[in-house]
Amino acid sequence: GVLTCLDATKTGDITNTGKLWVYDKINRSISTVSIYNGLLFVADFSGYVHCLDAETGTVHWVHNTGAHMWSSTFVADGKLYFGTEDGDAWIMKADKELKVISKVNVDAPIYGTPMVANGVMYIASQTHLFAIQKK
């Protein structure tokens, strides 16, 4: 996979003049990026999560989850959330420095991106829907 940052003022021009930066270290990916505080987070199918500077494309860190990832990352409240095919629900700090906050196995593959609505985070595994809310 290749992640390319384009200059939107070039009206979609994908010639070299429209490219701001290119990152070609992503393996095959079916996810979209998450952007938070000038940082870009993207997962690839091989199970790597990449953190880049959104303006320059500079790599801050790459984390190997050890399992395939079919979904996108999600950022909320300064934290990065995602799941893996092995059933691991990950929470990391959405920061330039790699910091794993938590990893919980839900005993079934997670193929979807975590979502938030009305103060509740939803994580769907292949067998269950988890609703997580702060009391």
Protein backbone atom coordinates (compact mmCIF):
# COMPACT_ATOMS: atom_id res chain seq x y z
CA GLY A 1 0.00 0.00 0.00
CA VAL A 2 0.97 3.59 -0.51
CA LEU A 3 -0.36 6.59 1.39
CA THR A 4 -0.16 9.85 -0.56
CA CYS A 5 -0.87 13.31 0.81
CA LEU A 6 -2.21 15.62 -1.88
CA ASP A 7 -2.48 19.40 -1.94
CA ALA A 8 -6.24 20.07 -2.11
CA THR A 9 -5.60 23.48 -3.64
CA LYS A 10 -4.33 21.71 -6.76
CA THR A 11 -7.94 20.64 -7.49
CA GLY A 12 -7.23 16.94 -7.34
CA ASP A 13 -4.09 17.11 -9.48
CA ILE A 14 -2.18 13.89 -8.77
CA THR A 15 0.91 14.82 -10.72
CA ASN A 16 4.09 15.40 -8.76
CA THR A 17 3.15 19.05 -8.25
CA GLY A 18 0.08 17.99 -6.26
CA LYS A 19 1.89 15.55 -3.98
CA LEU A 20 3.02 16.82 -0.61
CA TRP A 21 4.45 13.51 0.60
CA VAL A 22 4.29 9.75 -0.05
CA TYR A 23 4.61 6.92 2.48
CA ASP A 24 5.15 3.51 0.90
CA LYS A 25 5.81 1.37 3.98
CA ILE A 26 2.19 0.31 4.46
CA ASN A 27 1.38 -3.28 3.62
CA ARG A 28 -1.94 -4.03 1.94
CA SER A 29 -4.66 -1.99 3.64
CA ILE A 30 -8.43 -1.65 3.54
CA SER A 31 -8.67 1.03 6.21
CA THR A 32 -9.05 4.78 6.30
CA VAL A 33 -6.82 7.06 8.34
CA SER A 34 -7.53 8.75 11.66
CA ILE A 35 -6.12 12.23 12.23
CA TYR A 36 -5.65 13.84 15.63
CA ASN A 37 -3.47 16.77 16.80
CA GLY A 38 -1.46 16.78 13.57
CA LEU A 39 -0.87 13.03 13.71
CA LEU A 40 -2.11 10.49 11.19
CA PHE A 41 -2.83 6.88 12.20
CA VAL A 42 -3.40 4.09 9.70
CA ALA A 43 -3.63 0.30 10.04
CA ASP A 44 -2.63 -2.25 7.45
CA PHE A 45 -3.96 -5.74 6.87
CA SER A 46 -0.72 -7.34 8.11
CA GLY A 47 -1.44 -5.94 11.58
CA TYR A 48 0.81 -2.92 11.70
CA VAL A 49 -0.42 0.45 12.93
CA HIS A 50 1.54 3.43 11.62
CA CYS A 51 1.77 6.90 13.21
CA LEU A 52 2.93 9.72 10.93
CA ASP A 53 3.10 13.49 11.05
CA ALA A 54 0.09 14.57 8.96
CA GLU A 55 1.91 17.60 7.50
CA THR A 56 5.26 16.05 6.60
CA GLY A 57 4.71 12.29 6.46
CA THR A 58 7.50 11.76 8.98
CA VAL A 59 7.10 8.40 10.73
CA HIS A 60 6.89 8.58 14.53
CA TRP A 61 6.29 4.87 15.17
CA VAL A 62 5.04 1.58 13.74
CA HIS A 63 3.41 -1.00 16.01
CA ASN A 64 3.00 -4.71 15.19
CA THR A 65 -0.23 -6.09 16.69
CA GLY A 66 0.60 -9.63 15.60
CA ALA A 67 -2.77 -10.16 13.87
CA HIS A 68 -4.60 -9.14 10.70
CA MET A 69 -6.61 -5.94 10.78
CA TRP A 70 -9.75 -5.57 8.68
CA SER A 71 -10.88 -2.20 10.03
CA SER A 72 -9.72 1.34 10.58
CA THR A 73 -8.30 3.04 13.62
CA PHE A 74 -10.51 5.42 15.60
CA VAL A 75 -9.39 8.36 17.73
CA ALA A 76 -11.39 9.80 20.63
CA ASP A 77 -10.40 11.61 23.80
CA GLY A 78 -6.68 11.44 22.96
CA LYS A 79 -6.75 7.67 22.57
CA LEU A 80 -6.40 5.40 19.54
CA TYR A 81 -8.82 2.44 19.35
CA PHE A 82 -8.80 -0.56 17.00
CA GLY A 83 -9.39 -4.29 16.89
CA THR A 84 -7.74 -7.31 15.29
CA GLU A 85 -8.79 -10.57 13.73
CA ASP A 86 -7.40 -12.37 16.81
CA GLY A 87 -10.07 -10.60 18.90
CA ASP A 88 -7.80 -8.07 20.57
CA ALA A 89 -9.32 -4.67 21.32
CA TRP A 90 -6.46 -2.19 21.62
CA ILE A 91 -6.27 1.23 23.26
CA MET A 92 -3.15 3.30 22.66
CA LYS A 93 -2.20 6.86 23.40
CA ALA A 94 -2.78 9.02 20.29
CA ASP A 95 0.68 10.56 20.53
CA LYS A 96 4.08 10.81 18.83
CA GLU A 97 5.43 8.30 21.33
CA LEU A 98 4.15 4.73 21.15
CA LYS A 99 2.26 3.83 24.31
CA VAL A 100 -0.10 0.89 24.70
CA ILE A 101 -2.72 1.67 27.34
CA SER A 102 -4.69 -1.57 27.17
CA LYS A 103 -5.26 -4.73 25.15
CA VAL A 104 -8.26 -6.94 25.88
CA ASN A 105 -9.18 -10.13 24.07
CA VAL A 106 -12.92 -10.49 23.40
CA ASP A 107 -12.71 -14.16 22.28
CA ALA A 108 -13.89 -13.48 18.71
CA PRO A 109 -12.51 -11.63 15.67
CA ILE A 110 -13.06 -7.87 15.47
CA TYR A 111 -13.64 -6.87 11.86
CA GLY A 112 -15.24 -3.46 12.34
CA THR A 113 -14.01 -0.05 13.44
CA PRO A 114 -14.98 1.05 16.97
CA MET A 115 -17.69 3.75 16.95
CA VAL A 116 -19.02 6.28 19.46
CA ALA A 117 -22.57 7.62 19.81
CA ASN A 118 -24.15 9.51 22.70
CA GLY A 119 -21.23 8.87 25.04
CA VAL A 120 -21.13 5.12 24.39
CA MET A 121 -18.34 3.31 22.54
CA TYR A 122 -19.40 0.31 20.49
CA ILE A 123 -17.05 -2.50 19.53
CA ALA A 124 -18.49 -5.30 17.42
CA SER A 125 -16.84 -8.70 17.37
CA GLN A 126 -17.94 -11.55 15.16
CA THR A 127 -20.21 -12.80 17.98
CA HIS A 128 -20.98 -9.86 20.30
CA LEU A 129 -21.62 -6.14 20.37
CA PHE A 130 -19.91 -4.44 23.31
CA ALA A 131 -21.26 -1.10 24.59
CA ILE A 132 -18.76 0.68 26.84
CA GLN A 133 -19.74 3.76 28.81
CA LYS A 134 -18.04 5.77 31.52
CA LYS A 135 -20.11 5.99 34.70
